[in-house]
All heavy atoms as atom14 arrays in JSON, in Angstrom:
{
  "sequence": "AFVAEAKRQLFGRVGIDLFAGPTETLVIADDTVDGELCAADLLG",
  "atom14_mask": [
    [1, 1, 1, 1, 1, 0, 0, 0, 0, 0, 0, 0, 0, 0],
    [1, 1, 1, 1, 1, 1, 1, 1, 1, 1, 1, 0, 0, 0],
    [1, 1, 1, 1, 1, 1, 1, 0, 0, 0, 0, 0, 0, 0],
    [1, 1, 1, 1, 1, 0, 0, 0, 0, 0, 0, 0, 0, 0],
    [1, 1, 1, 1, 1, 1, 1, 1, 1, 0, 0, 0, 0, 0],
    [1, 1, 1, 1, 1, 0, 0, 0, 0, 0, 0, 0, 0, 0],
    [1, 1, 1, 1, 1, 1, 1, 1, 1, 0, 0, 0, 0, 0],
    [1, 1, 1, 1, 1, 1, 1, 1, 1, 1, 1, 0, 0, 0],
    [1, 1, 1, 1, 1, 1, 1, 1, 1, 0, 0, 0, 0, 0],
    [1, 1, 1, 1, 1, 1, 1, 1, 0, 0, 0, 0, 0, 0],
    [1, 1, 1, 1, 1, 1, 1, 1, 1, 1, 1, 0, 0, 0],
    [1, 1, 1, 1, 0, 0, 0, 0, 0, 0, 0, 0, 0, 0],
    [1, 1, 1, 1, 1, 1, 1, 1, 1, 1, 1, 0, 0, 0],
    [1, 1, 1, 1, 1, 1, 1, 0, 0, 0, 0, 0, 0, 0],
    [1, 1, 1, 1, 0, 0, 0, 0, 0, 0, 0, 0, 0, 0],
    [1, 1, 1, 1, 1, 1, 1, 1, 0, 0, 0, 0, 0, 0],
    [1, 1, 1, 1, 1, 1, 1, 1, 0, 0, 0, 0, 0, 0],
    [1, 1, 1, 1, 1, 1, 1, 1, 0, 0, 0, 0, 0, 0],
    [1, 1, 1, 1, 1, 1, 1, 1, 1, 1, 1, 0, 0, 0],
    [1, 1, 1, 1, 1, 0, 0, 0, 0, 0, 0, 0, 0, 0],
    [1, 1, 1, 1, 0, 0, 0, 0, 0, 0, 0, 0, 0, 0],
    [1, 1, 1, 1, 1, 1, 1, 0, 0, 0, 0, 0, 0, 0],
    [1, 1, 1, 1, 1, 1, 1, 0, 0, 0, 0, 0, 0, 0],
    [1, 1, 1, 1, 1, 1, 1, 1, 1, 0, 0, 0, 0, 0],
    [1, 1, 1, 1, 1, 1, 1, 0, 0, 0, 0, 0, 0, 0],
    [1, 1, 1, 1, 1, 1, 1, 1, 0, 0, 0, 0, 0, 0],
    [1, 1, 1, 1, 1, 1, 1, 0, 0, 0, 0, 0, 0, 0],
    [1, 1, 1, 1, 1, 1, 1, 1, 0, 0, 0, 0, 0, 0],
    [1, 1, 1, 1, 1, 0, 0, 0, 0, 0, 0, 0, 0, 0],
    [1, 1, 1, 1, 1, 1, 1, 1, 0, 0, 0, 0, 0, 0],
    [1, 1, 1, 1, 1, 1, 1, 1, 0, 0, 0, 0, 0, 0],
    [1, 1, 1, 1, 1, 1, 1, 0, 0, 0, 0, 0, 0, 0],
    [1, 1, 1, 1, 1, 1, 1, 0, 0, 0, 0, 0, 0, 0],
    [1, 1, 1, 1, 1, 1, 1, 1, 0, 0, 0, 0, 0, 0],
    [1, 1, 1, 1, 0, 0, 0, 0, 0, 0, 0, 0, 0, 0],
    [1, 1, 1, 1, 1, 1, 1, 1, 1, 0, 0, 0, 0, 0],
    [1, 1, 1, 1, 1, 1, 1, 1, 0, 0, 0, 0, 0, 0],
    [1, 1, 1, 1, 1, 1, 0, 0, 0, 0, 0, 0, 0, 0],
    [1, 1, 1, 1, 1, 0, 0, 0, 0, 0, 0, 0, 0, 0],
    [1, 1, 1, 1, 1, 0, 0, 0, 0, 0, 0, 0, 0, 0],
    [1, 1, 1, 1, 1, 1, 1, 1, 0, 0, 0, 0, 0, 0],
    [1, 1, 1, 1, 1, 1, 1, 1, 0, 0, 0, 0, 0, 0],
    [1, 1, 1, 1, 1, 1, 1, 1, 0, 0, 0, 0, 0, 0],
    [1, 1, 1, 1, 0, 0, 0, 0, 0, 0, 0, 0, 0, 0]
  ],
  "atom14_positions": [
    [[0.62, -17.63, -38.89], [-0.77, -17.91, -38.55], [-1.69, -16.75, -38.93], [-2.84, -16.96, -39.33], [-0.89, -18.21, -37.05], [0.0, 0.0, 0.0], [0.0, 0.0, 0.0], [0.0, 0.0, 0.0], [0.0, 0.0, 0.0], [0.0, 0.0, 0.0], [0.0, 0.0, 0.0], [0.0, 0.0, 0.0], [0.0, 0.0, 0.0], [0.0, 0.0, 0.0]],
    [[-1.21, -15.52, -38.83], [-2.03, -14.36, -39.14], [-2.26, -14.23, -40.65], [-3.38, -13.93, -41.1], [-1.38, -13.09, -38.59], [-1.37, -13.03, -37.09], [-0.28, -13.53, -36.38], [-2.43, -12.51, -36.39], [-0.26, -13.49, -34.99], [-2.43, -12.46, -35.01], [-1.34, -12.96, -34.31], [0.0, 0.0, 0.0], [0.0, 0.0, 0.0], [0.0, 0.0, 0.0]],
    [[-1.24, -14.48, -41.43], [-1.38, -14.45, -42.88], [-2.31, -15.56, -43.35], [-3.19, -15.34, -44.2], [0.0, -14.56, -43.57], [-0.16, -14.81, -45.07], [0.81, -13.3, -43.32], [0.0, 0.0, 0.0], [0.0, 0.0, 0.0], [0.0, 0.0, 0.0], [0.0, 0.0, 0.0], [0.0, 0.0, 0.0], [0.0, 0.0, 0.0], [0.0, 0.0, 0.0]],
    [[-2.14, -16.75, -42.8], [-3.0, -17.87, -43.18], [-4.46, -17.57, -42.84], [-5.37, -17.87, -43.62], [-2.54, -19.15, -42.48], [0.0, 0.0, 0.0], [0.0, 0.0, 0.0], [0.0, 0.0, 0.0], [0.0, 0.0, 0.0], [0.0, 0.0, 0.0], [0.0, 0.0, 0.0], [0.0, 0.0, 0.0], [0.0, 0.0, 0.0], [0.0, 0.0, 0.0]],
    [[-4.69, -16.97, -41.67], [-6.06, -16.63, -41.28], [-6.63, -15.54, -42.17], [-7.82, -15.56, -42.52], [-6.09, -16.19, -39.81], [-7.44, -15.71, -39.31], [-8.53, -16.75, -39.36], [-8.23, -17.97, -39.43], [-9.72, -16.34, -39.35], [0.0, 0.0, 0.0], [0.0, 0.0, 0.0], [0.0, 0.0, 0.0], [0.0, 0.0, 0.0], [0.0, 0.0, 0.0]],
    [[-5.81, -14.57, -42.55], [-6.28, -13.51, -43.44], [-6.72, -14.11, -44.78], [-7.77, -13.72, -45.32], [-5.18, -12.47, -43.66], [0.0, 0.0, 0.0], [0.0, 0.0, 0.0], [0.0, 0.0, 0.0], [0.0, 0.0, 0.0], [0.0, 0.0, 0.0], [0.0, 0.0, 0.0], [0.0, 0.0, 0.0], [0.0, 0.0, 0.0], [0.0, 0.0, 0.0]],
    [[-5.95, -15.03, -45.31], [-6.33, -15.69, -46.55], [-7.65, -16.43, -46.38], [-8.51, -16.4, -47.27], [-5.23, -16.64, -47.02], [-3.99, -15.94, -47.58], [-2.86, -16.92, -47.81], [-3.17, -17.93, -48.88], [-2.04, -18.87, -49.09], [0.0, 0.0, 0.0], [0.0, 0.0, 0.0], [0.0, 0.0, 0.0], [0.0, 0.0, 0.0], [0.0, 0.0, 0.0]],
    [[-7.81, -17.09, -45.25], [-9.05, -17.84, -44.99], [-10.24, -16.89, -44.99], [-11.27, -17.18, -45.6], [-8.96, -18.58, -43.66], [-10.13, -19.53, -43.41], [-10.15, -20.05, -41.99], [-10.48, -19.01, -41.04], [-11.73, -18.59, -40.8], [-12.76, -19.13, -41.45], [-11.94, -17.63, -39.92], [0.0, 0.0, 0.0], [0.0, 0.0, 0.0], [0.0, 0.0, 0.0]],
    [[-10.11, -15.76, -44.32], [-11.23, -14.82, -44.23], [-11.51, -14.12, -45.56], [-12.64, -13.72, -45.83], [-10.96, -13.8, -43.13], [-10.97, -14.4, -41.73], [-10.88, -13.36, -40.62], [-11.27, -12.2, -40.81], [-10.4, -13.74, -39.46], [0.0, 0.0, 0.0], [0.0, 0.0, 0.0], [0.0, 0.0, 0.0], [0.0, 0.0, 0.0], [0.0, 0.0, 0.0]],
    [[-10.49, -13.96, -46.39], [-10.66, -13.29, -47.67], [-11.15, -14.22, -48.77], [-11.59, -13.76, -49.83], [-9.34, -12.64, -48.09], [-8.92, -11.41, -47.27], [-7.45, -11.1, -47.5], [-9.79, -10.21, -47.62], [0.0, 0.0, 0.0], [0.0, 0.0, 0.0], [0.0, 0.0, 0.0], [0.0, 0.0, 0.0], [0.0, 0.0, 0.0], [0.0, 0.0, 0.0]],
    [[-11.05, -15.53, -48.54], [-11.47, -16.5, -49.55], [-12.95, -16.32, -49.89], [-13.81, -16.24, -49.04], [-11.21, -17.92, -49.07], [-11.68, -18.98, -50.03], [-11.2, -18.99, -51.33], [-12.59, -19.93, -49.65], [-11.63, -19.96, -52.23], [-13.02, -20.9, -50.53], [-12.53, -20.91, -51.83], [0.0, 0.0, 0.0], [0.0, 0.0, 0.0], [0.0, 0.0, 0.0]],
    [[-13.22, -16.25, -51.15], [-14.56, -15.96, -51.65], [-14.58, -14.61, -52.32], [-15.09, -14.48, -53.43], [0.0, 0.0, 0.0], [0.0, 0.0, 0.0], [0.0, 0.0, 0.0], [0.0, 0.0, 0.0], [0.0, 0.0, 0.0], [0.0, 0.0, 0.0], [0.0, 0.0, 0.0], [0.0, 0.0, 0.0], [0.0, 0.0, 0.0], [0.0, 0.0, 0.0]],
    [[-14.01, -13.62, -51.65], [-13.85, -12.32, -52.29], [-12.74, -12.4, -53.34], [-12.77, -11.71, -54.36], [-13.56, -11.26, -51.25], [-14.66, -11.14, -50.21], [-14.45, -10.04, -49.25], [-14.44, -8.72, -49.89], [-14.49, -7.58, -49.22], [-14.58, -7.59, -47.91], [-14.48, -6.43, -49.85], [0.0, 0.0, 0.0], [0.0, 0.0, 0.0], [0.0, 0.0, 0.0]],
    [[-11.74, -13.19, -53.01], [-10.7, -13.55, -53.97], [-10.46, -15.04, -53.85], [-10.85, -15.68, -52.86], [-9.37, -12.8, -53.72], [-9.52, -11.32, -53.97], [-8.85, -13.06, -52.31], [0.0, 0.0, 0.0], [0.0, 0.0, 0.0], [0.0, 0.0, 0.0], [0.0, 0.0, 0.0], [0.0, 0.0, 0.0], [0.0, 0.0, 0.0], [0.0, 0.0, 0.0]],
    [[-9.83, -15.61, -54.85], [-9.41, -16.99, -54.73], [-8.15, -17.08, -53.9], [-7.4, -16.12, -53.74], [0.0, 0.0, 0.0], [0.0, 0.0, 0.0], [0.0, 0.0, 0.0], [0.0, 0.0, 0.0], [0.0, 0.0, 0.0], [0.0, 0.0, 0.0], [0.0, 0.0, 0.0], [0.0, 0.0, 0.0], [0.0, 0.0, 0.0], [0.0, 0.0, 0.0]],
    [[-7.91, -18.24, -53.34], [-6.64, -18.49, -52.66], [-6.11, -19.82, -53.16], [-6.84, -20.65, -53.7], [-6.78, -18.51, -51.12], [-7.65, -19.69, -50.66], [-7.34, -17.19, -50.61], [-7.61, -19.91, -49.14], [0.0, 0.0, 0.0], [0.0, 0.0, 0.0], [0.0, 0.0, 0.0], [0.0, 0.0, 0.0], [0.0, 0.0, 0.0], [0.0, 0.0, 0.0]],
    [[-4.8, -19.99, -52.97], [-4.23, -21.27, -53.36], [-4.64, -22.36, -52.37], [-5.26, -23.36, -52.74], [-2.7, -21.17, -53.47], [-2.05, -20.47, -52.27], [-2.75, -20.04, -51.34], [-0.8, -20.34, -52.25], [0.0, 0.0, 0.0], [0.0, 0.0, 0.0], [0.0, 0.0, 0.0], [0.0, 0.0, 0.0], [0.0, 0.0, 0.0], [0.0, 0.0, 0.0]],
    [[-4.38, -22.14, -51.09], [-4.66, -23.11, -50.05], [-4.27, -22.5, -48.72], [-3.69, -21.41, -48.67], [-3.87, -24.42, -50.29], [-2.36, -24.22, -50.47], [-1.58, -25.22, -49.68], [-1.97, -24.4, -51.93], [0.0, 0.0, 0.0], [0.0, 0.0, 0.0], [0.0, 0.0, 0.0], [0.0, 0.0, 0.0], [0.0, 0.0, 0.0], [0.0, 0.0, 0.0]],
    [[-4.58, -23.2, -47.64], [-4.11, -22.76, -46.32], [-2.68, -23.25, -46.14], [-2.42, -24.45, -46.06], [-5.01, -23.3, -45.22], [-6.44, -22.86, -45.35], [-7.47, -23.77, -45.33], [-6.75, -21.53, -45.54], [-8.79, -23.36, -45.46], [-8.06, -21.11, -45.67], [-9.08, -22.03, -45.64], [0.0, 0.0, 0.0], [0.0, 0.0, 0.0], [0.0, 0.0, 0.0]],
    [[-1.74, -22.29, -46.11], [-0.33, -22.64, -46.1], [0.38, -21.93, -44.95], [0.86, -20.82, -45.09], [0.32, -22.28, -47.44], [0.0, 0.0, 0.0], [0.0, 0.0, 0.0], [0.0, 0.0, 0.0], [0.0, 0.0, 0.0], [0.0, 0.0, 0.0], [0.0, 0.0, 0.0], [0.0, 0.0, 0.0], [0.0, 0.0, 0.0], [0.0, 0.0, 0.0]],
    [[0.43, -22.54, -43.82], [1.14, -22.02, -42.67], [0.32, -22.2, -41.38], [-0.9, -22.28, -41.43], [0.0, 0.0, 0.0], [0.0, 0.0, 0.0], [0.0, 0.0, 0.0], [0.0, 0.0, 0.0], [0.0, 0.0, 0.0], [0.0, 0.0, 0.0], [0.0, 0.0, 0.0], [0.0, 0.0, 0.0], [0.0, 0.0, 0.0], [0.0, 0.0, 0.0]],
    [[1.0, -22.28, -40.25], [2.44, -22.43, -40.1], [2.94, -23.8, -40.6], [2.17, -24.73, -40.75], [2.64, -22.31, -38.57], [1.41, -21.67, -38.07], [0.31, -22.11, -38.98], [0.0, 0.0, 0.0], [0.0, 0.0, 0.0], [0.0, 0.0, 0.0], [0.0, 0.0, 0.0], [0.0, 0.0, 0.0], [0.0, 0.0, 0.0], [0.0, 0.0, 0.0]],
    [[4.25, -23.86, -40.83], [4.89, -25.05, -41.36], [4.66, -26.27, -40.48], [4.69, -26.18, -39.25], [6.4, -24.81, -41.53], [6.61, -23.87, -42.56], [7.13, -26.09, -41.88], [0.0, 0.0, 0.0], [0.0, 0.0, 0.0], [0.0, 0.0, 0.0], [0.0, 0.0, 0.0], [0.0, 0.0, 0.0], [0.0, 0.0, 0.0], [0.0, 0.0, 0.0]],
    [[4.44, -27.42, -41.13], [4.29, -28.71, -40.45], [5.26, -29.72, -41.07], [5.41, -29.77, -42.29], [2.88, -29.26, -40.62], [1.76, -28.34, -40.18], [0.42, -28.79, -40.7], [0.36, -29.59, -41.68], [-0.6, -28.33, -40.14], [0.0, 0.0, 0.0], [0.0, 0.0, 0.0], [0.0, 0.0, 0.0], [0.0, 0.0, 0.0], [0.0, 0.0, 0.0]],
    [[5.89, -30.54, -40.23], [6.8, -31.57, -40.73], [6.58, -32.88, -39.99], [6.53, -32.91, -38.76], [8.26, -31.15, -40.56], [8.51, -30.03, -41.38], [9.19, -32.27, -40.98], [0.0, 0.0, 0.0], [0.0, 0.0, 0.0], [0.0, 0.0, 0.0], [0.0, 0.0, 0.0], [0.0, 0.0, 0.0], [0.0, 0.0, 0.0], [0.0, 0.0, 0.0]],
    [[6.44, -33.93, -40.77], [6.33, -35.28, -40.23], [7.5, -36.1, -40.76], [7.7, -36.2, -41.97], [5.01, -35.92, -40.66], [4.81, -37.41, -40.32], [4.78, -37.62, -38.8], [3.52, -37.93, -40.96], [0.0, 0.0, 0.0], [0.0, 0.0, 0.0], [0.0, 0.0, 0.0], [0.0, 0.0, 0.0], [0.0, 0.0, 0.0], [0.0, 0.0, 0.0]],
    [[8.27, -36.68, -39.86], [9.34, -37.6, -40.24], [8.87, -39.01, -39.92], [8.6, -39.34, -38.76], [10.65, -37.28, -39.5], [11.69, -38.37, -39.77], [11.19, -35.91, -39.92], [0.0, 0.0, 0.0], [0.0, 0.0, 0.0], [0.0, 0.0, 0.0], [0.0, 0.0, 0.0], [0.0, 0.0, 0.0], [0.0, 0.0, 0.0], [0.0, 0.0, 0.0]],
    [[8.75, -39.83, -40.95], [8.4, -41.25, -40.8], [9.69, -42.05, -40.95], [10.36, -41.97, -42.0], [7.37, -41.68, -41.85], [6.08, -40.88, -41.71], [7.09, -43.18, -41.74], [5.03, -41.18, -42.78], [0.0, 0.0, 0.0], [0.0, 0.0, 0.0], [0.0, 0.0, 0.0], [0.0, 0.0, 0.0], [0.0, 0.0, 0.0], [0.0, 0.0, 0.0]],
    [[10.06, -42.79, -39.93], [11.35, -43.46, -39.96], [11.29, -44.81, -39.25], [10.45, -45.04, -38.38], [12.41, -42.56, -39.3], [0.0, 0.0, 0.0], [0.0, 0.0, 0.0], [0.0, 0.0, 0.0], [0.0, 0.0, 0.0], [0.0, 0.0, 0.0], [0.0, 0.0, 0.0], [0.0, 0.0, 0.0], [0.0, 0.0, 0.0], [0.0, 0.0, 0.0]],
    [[12.21, -45.68, -39.64], [12.39, -46.94, -38.92], [13.87, -47.07, -38.57], [14.64, -46.11, -38.68], [11.85, -48.13, -39.73], [12.55, -48.31, -41.08], [13.66, -47.77, -41.28], [11.97, -49.0, -41.95], [0.0, 0.0, 0.0], [0.0, 0.0, 0.0], [0.0, 0.0, 0.0], [0.0, 0.0, 0.0], [0.0, 0.0, 0.0], [0.0, 0.0, 0.0]],
    [[14.29, -48.28, -38.16], [15.66, -48.43, -37.64], [16.72, -48.48, -38.72], [17.89, -48.79, -38.42], [15.75, -49.67, -36.74], [15.39, -50.97, -37.44], [15.2, -50.95, -38.69], [15.29, -52.01, -36.76], [0.0, 0.0, 0.0], [0.0, 0.0, 0.0], [0.0, 0.0, 0.0], [0.0, 0.0, 0.0], [0.0, 0.0, 0.0], [0.0, 0.0, 0.0]],
    [[16.36, -48.14, -39.95], [17.38, -48.02, -41.0], [18.1, -46.69, -40.91], [19.11, -46.49, -41.6], [16.76, -48.16, -42.4], [15.75, -47.16, -42.59], [16.15, -49.55, -42.59], [0.0, 0.0, 0.0], [0.0, 0.0, 0.0], [0.0, 0.0, 0.0], [0.0, 0.0, 0.0], [0.0, 0.0, 0.0], [0.0, 0.0, 0.0], [0.0, 0.0, 0.0]],
    [[17.59, -45.76, -40.12], [18.26, -44.47, -39.93], [18.51, -44.25, -38.44], [18.11, -45.04, -37.6], [17.45, -43.3, -40.53], [17.42, -43.4, -42.04], [16.03, -43.27, -39.96], [0.0, 0.0, 0.0], [0.0, 0.0, 0.0], [0.0, 0.0, 0.0], [0.0, 0.0, 0.0], [0.0, 0.0, 0.0], [0.0, 0.0, 0.0], [0.0, 0.0, 0.0]],
    [[19.16, -43.16, -38.11], [19.56, -42.9, -36.74], [18.94, -41.62, -36.2], [18.4, -40.8, -36.96], [21.08, -42.82, -36.62], [21.68, -41.77, -37.57], [21.61, -40.57, -37.26], [22.19, -42.17, -38.63], [0.0, 0.0, 0.0], [0.0, 0.0, 0.0], [0.0, 0.0, 0.0], [0.0, 0.0, 0.0], [0.0, 0.0, 0.0], [0.0, 0.0, 0.0]],
    [[19.05, -41.44, -34.91], [18.45, -40.29, -34.24], [19.04, -38.97, -34.66], [18.35, -37.95, -34.69], [0.0, 0.0, 0.0], [0.0, 0.0, 0.0], [0.0, 0.0, 0.0], [0.0, 0.0, 0.0], [0.0, 0.0, 0.0], [0.0, 0.0, 0.0], [0.0, 0.0, 0.0], [0.0, 0.0, 0.0], [0.0, 0.0, 0.0], [0.0, 0.0, 0.0]],
    [[20.32, -38.94, -35.0], [20.95, -37.69, -35.41], [20.29, -37.15, -36.68], [19.99, -35.95, -36.77], [22.44, -37.91, -35.67], [23.16, -36.63, -36.08], [24.61, -36.86, -36.45], [24.95, -37.99, -36.85], [25.42, -35.9, -36.36], [0.0, 0.0, 0.0], [0.0, 0.0, 0.0], [0.0, 0.0, 0.0], [0.0, 0.0, 0.0], [0.0, 0.0, 0.0]],
    [[20.08, -38.03, -37.67], [19.47, -37.6, -38.92], [18.02, -37.16, -38.69], [17.59, -36.12, -39.21], [19.52, -38.74, -39.94], [19.14, -38.39, -41.38], [20.06, -37.33, -41.95], [19.17, -39.65, -42.26], [0.0, 0.0, 0.0], [0.0, 0.0, 0.0], [0.0, 0.0, 0.0], [0.0, 0.0, 0.0], [0.0, 0.0, 0.0], [0.0, 0.0, 0.0]],
    [[17.26, -37.93, -37.93], [15.86, -37.59, -37.66], [15.77, -36.25, -36.93], [14.92, -35.41, -37.25], [15.19, -38.68, -36.83], [14.98, -40.26, -37.71], [0.0, 0.0, 0.0], [0.0, 0.0, 0.0], [0.0, 0.0, 0.0], [0.0, 0.0, 0.0], [0.0, 0.0, 0.0], [0.0, 0.0, 0.0], [0.0, 0.0, 0.0], [0.0, 0.0, 0.0]],
    [[16.61, -36.04, -35.95], [16.59, -34.8, -35.18], [16.9, -33.6, -36.07], [16.27, -32.55, -35.97], [17.58, -34.87, -34.03], [0.0, 0.0, 0.0], [0.0, 0.0, 0.0], [0.0, 0.0, 0.0], [0.0, 0.0, 0.0], [0.0, 0.0, 0.0], [0.0, 0.0, 0.0], [0.0, 0.0, 0.0], [0.0, 0.0, 0.0], [0.0, 0.0, 0.0]],
    [[17.91, -33.76, -36.94], [18.26, -32.66, -37.85], [17.1, -32.29, -38.75], [16.83, -31.11, -38.99], [19.48, -33.05, -38.69], [0.0, 0.0, 0.0], [0.0, 0.0, 0.0], [0.0, 0.0, 0.0], [0.0, 0.0, 0.0], [0.0, 0.0, 0.0], [0.0, 0.0, 0.0], [0.0, 0.0, 0.0], [0.0, 0.0, 0.0], [0.0, 0.0, 0.0]],
    [[16.37, -33.29, -39.24], [15.26, -33.02, -40.14], [14.05, -32.46, -39.4], [13.27, -31.68, -39.98], [14.88, -34.3, -40.9], [15.94, -34.66, -41.94], [16.7, -33.76, -42.37], [16.03, -35.84, -42.32], [0.0, 0.0, 0.0], [0.0, 0.0, 0.0], [0.0, 0.0, 0.0], [0.0, 0.0, 0.0], [0.0, 0.0, 0.0], [0.0, 0.0, 0.0]],
    [[13.86, -32.81, -38.15], [12.78, -32.24, -37.36], [13.08, -30.77, -37.02], [12.25, -29.89, -37.22], [12.58, -33.04, -36.08], [11.97, -34.44, -36.25], [12.17, -35.26, -34.98], [10.49, -34.36, -36.6], [0.0, 0.0, 0.0], [0.0, 0.0, 0.0], [0.0, 0.0, 0.0], [0.0, 0.0, 0.0], [0.0, 0.0, 0.0], [0.0, 0.0, 0.0]],
    [[14.27, -30.51, -36.52], [14.62, -29.15, -36.11], [14.8, -28.23, -37.31], [14.57, -27.01, -37.21], [15.89, -29.16, -35.27], [15.76, -29.85, -33.9], [17.1, -29.87, -33.19], [14.7, -29.16, -33.04], [0.0, 0.0, 0.0], [0.0, 0.0, 0.0], [0.0, 0.0, 0.0], [0.0, 0.0, 0.0], [0.0, 0.0, 0.0], [0.0, 0.0, 0.0]],
    [[15.21, -28.81, -38.45], [15.36, -28.0, -39.66], [14.09, -27.33, -40.1], [14.11, -26.29, -40.78], [0.0, 0.0, 0.0], [0.0, 0.0, 0.0], [0.0, 0.0, 0.0], [0.0, 0.0, 0.0], [0.0, 0.0, 0.0], [0.0, 0.0, 0.0], [0.0, 0.0, 0.0], [0.0, 0.0, 0.0], [0.0, 0.0, 0.0], [0.0, 0.0, 0.0]]
  ]
}
């Protein structure tokens, strides 16, 4: 969060790629998969 905020505040004086952090993950799933797989991908 601190690095991402530093990039935000420095943008304009230098270019930045984008706001990257902290990590975000969304798992979209239906009943074709199971809870074990979804949990592993969330916690990973």
